[in-house]
Amino acid sequence: MGIKDQFQDKAERMQQQGKQRAEQAKDQLQNRDRRRDEDETDPSSRRRDAEDRLDESFDA
């Protein structure tokens, strides 16, 4: 395998890695947005969490 082939292979691998990282970042953003939407539609869950933490602090 010549040097040119090695560089070409490395460039292709780097390009594939870049695509995978971009896809992962896109998925993470979508998941974060989805969680935020769920929190906004169910504010009682946040209130419940806050009350649980408050109760725990009084128990200590």
C-alpha atoms as a PDB file:
ATOM      1  CA  MET A   1       0.000   0.000   0.000  1.00  0.00           C
ATOM      2  CA  GLY A   2       1.427   3.307  -1.028  1.00  0.00           C
ATOM      3  CA  ILE A   3       1.490   6.535   0.879  1.00  0.00           C
ATOM      4  CA  LYS A   4      -1.263   7.949  -1.311  1.00  0.00           C
ATOM      5  CA  ASP A   5      -3.521   5.009  -0.434  1.00  0.00           C
ATOM      6  CA  GLN A   6      -2.766   5.420   3.271  1.00  0.00           C
ATOM      7  CA  PHE A   7      -3.695   9.102   3.187  1.00  0.00           C
ATOM      8  CA  GLN A   8      -6.855   8.364   1.242  1.00  0.00           C
ATOM      9  CA  ASP A   9      -7.896   5.655   3.711  1.00  0.00           C
ATOM     10  CA  LYS A  10      -7.192   7.931   6.660  1.00  0.00           C
ATOM     11  CA  ALA A  11      -9.161  10.763   5.063  1.00  0.00           C
ATOM     12  CA  GLU A  12     -12.119   8.445   4.468  1.00  0.00           C
ATOM     13  CA  ARG A  13     -12.013   7.192   8.071  1.00  0.00           C
ATOM     14  CA  MET A  14     -11.875  10.736   9.407  1.00  0.00           C
ATOM     15  CA  GLN A  15     -14.799  11.712   7.205  1.00  0.00           C
ATOM     16  CA  GLN A  16     -16.860   8.778   8.490  1.00  0.00           C
ATOM     17  CA  GLN A  17     -15.980   9.658  12.097  1.00  0.00           C
ATOM     18  CA  GLY A  18     -17.046  13.237  11.485  1.00  0.00           C
ATOM     19  CA  LYS A  19     -20.387  12.084  10.104  1.00  0.00           C
ATOM     20  CA  GLN A  20     -20.924   9.786  13.099  1.00  0.00           C
ATOM     21  CA  ARG A  21     -20.104  12.556  15.574  1.00  0.00           C
ATOM     22  CA  ALA A  22     -22.434  14.961  13.794  1.00  0.00           C
ATOM     23  CA  GLU A  23     -25.216  12.364  13.924  1.00  0.00           C
ATOM     24  CA  GLN A  24     -24.608  11.733  17.636  1.00  0.00           C
ATOM     25  CA  ALA A  25     -24.674  15.466  18.392  1.00  0.00           C
ATOM     26  CA  LYS A  26     -27.923  15.803  16.445  1.00  0.00           C
ATOM     27  CA  ASP A  27     -29.485  12.906  18.390  1.00  0.00           C
ATOM     28  CA  GLN A  28     -28.380  14.408  21.711  1.00  0.00           C
ATOM     29  CA  LEU A  29     -29.946  17.751  20.817  1.00  0.00           C
ATOM     30  CA  GLN A  30     -33.201  16.073  19.844  1.00  0.00           C
ATOM     31  CA  ASN A  31     -33.269  14.092  23.095  1.00  0.00           C
ATOM     32  CA  ARG A  32     -32.557  17.221  25.128  1.00  0.00           C
ATOM     33  CA  ASP A  33     -35.359  19.091  23.367  1.00  0.00           C
ATOM     34  CA  ARG A  34     -37.713  16.149  23.888  1.00  0.00           C
ATOM     35  CA  ARG A  35     -36.981  16.079  27.638  1.00  0.00           C
ATOM     36  CA  ARG A  36     -37.489  19.832  27.868  1.00  0.00           C
ATOM     37  CA  ASP A  37     -40.840  19.512  26.095  1.00  0.00           C
ATOM     38  CA  GLU A  38     -41.914  16.759  28.492  1.00  0.00           C
ATOM     39  CA  ASP A  39     -40.965  18.918  31.475  1.00  0.00           C
ATOM     40  CA  GLU A  40     -42.993  21.824  30.126  1.00  0.00           C
ATOM     41  CA  THR A  41     -46.049  19.646  29.541  1.00  0.00           C
ATOM     42  CA  ASP A  42     -45.820  18.039  33.003  1.00  0.00           C
ATOM     43  CA  PRO A  43     -44.805  20.758  35.475  1.00  0.00           C
ATOM     44  CA  SER A  44     -46.186  18.704  38.371  1.00  0.00           C
ATOM     45  CA  SER A  45     -43.234  16.334  38.073  1.00  0.00           C
ATOM     46  CA  ARG A  46     -40.809  19.184  38.701  1.00  0.00           C
ATOM     47  CA  ARG A  47     -42.879  20.404  41.637  1.00  0.00           C
ATOM     48  CA  ARG A  48     -42.941  16.871  43.056  1.00  0.00           C
ATOM     49  CA  ASP A  49     -39.150  16.614  42.753  1.00  0.00           C
ATOM     50  CA  ALA A  50     -38.706  19.921  44.574  1.00  0.00           C
ATOM     51  CA  GLU A  51     -41.045  18.801  47.355  1.00  0.00           C
ATOM     52  CA  ASP A  52     -39.161  15.508  47.709  1.00  0.00           C
ATOM     53  CA  ARG A  53     -35.875  17.369  48.099  1.00  0.00           C
ATOM     54  CA  LEU A  54     -37.451  19.706  50.641  1.00  0.00           C
ATOM     55  CA  ASP A  55     -38.795  16.757  52.657  1.00  0.00           C
ATOM     56  CA  GLU A  56     -35.368  15.102  52.591  1.00  0.00           C
ATOM     57  CA  SER A  57     -33.704  18.230  53.952  1.00  0.00           C
ATOM     58  CA  PHE A  58     -36.163  18.327  56.870  1.00  0.00           C
ATOM     59  CA  ASP A  59     -35.552  14.656  57.603  1.00  0.00           C
ATOM     60  CA  ALA A  60     -31.828  15.242  58.098  1.00  0.00           C
END
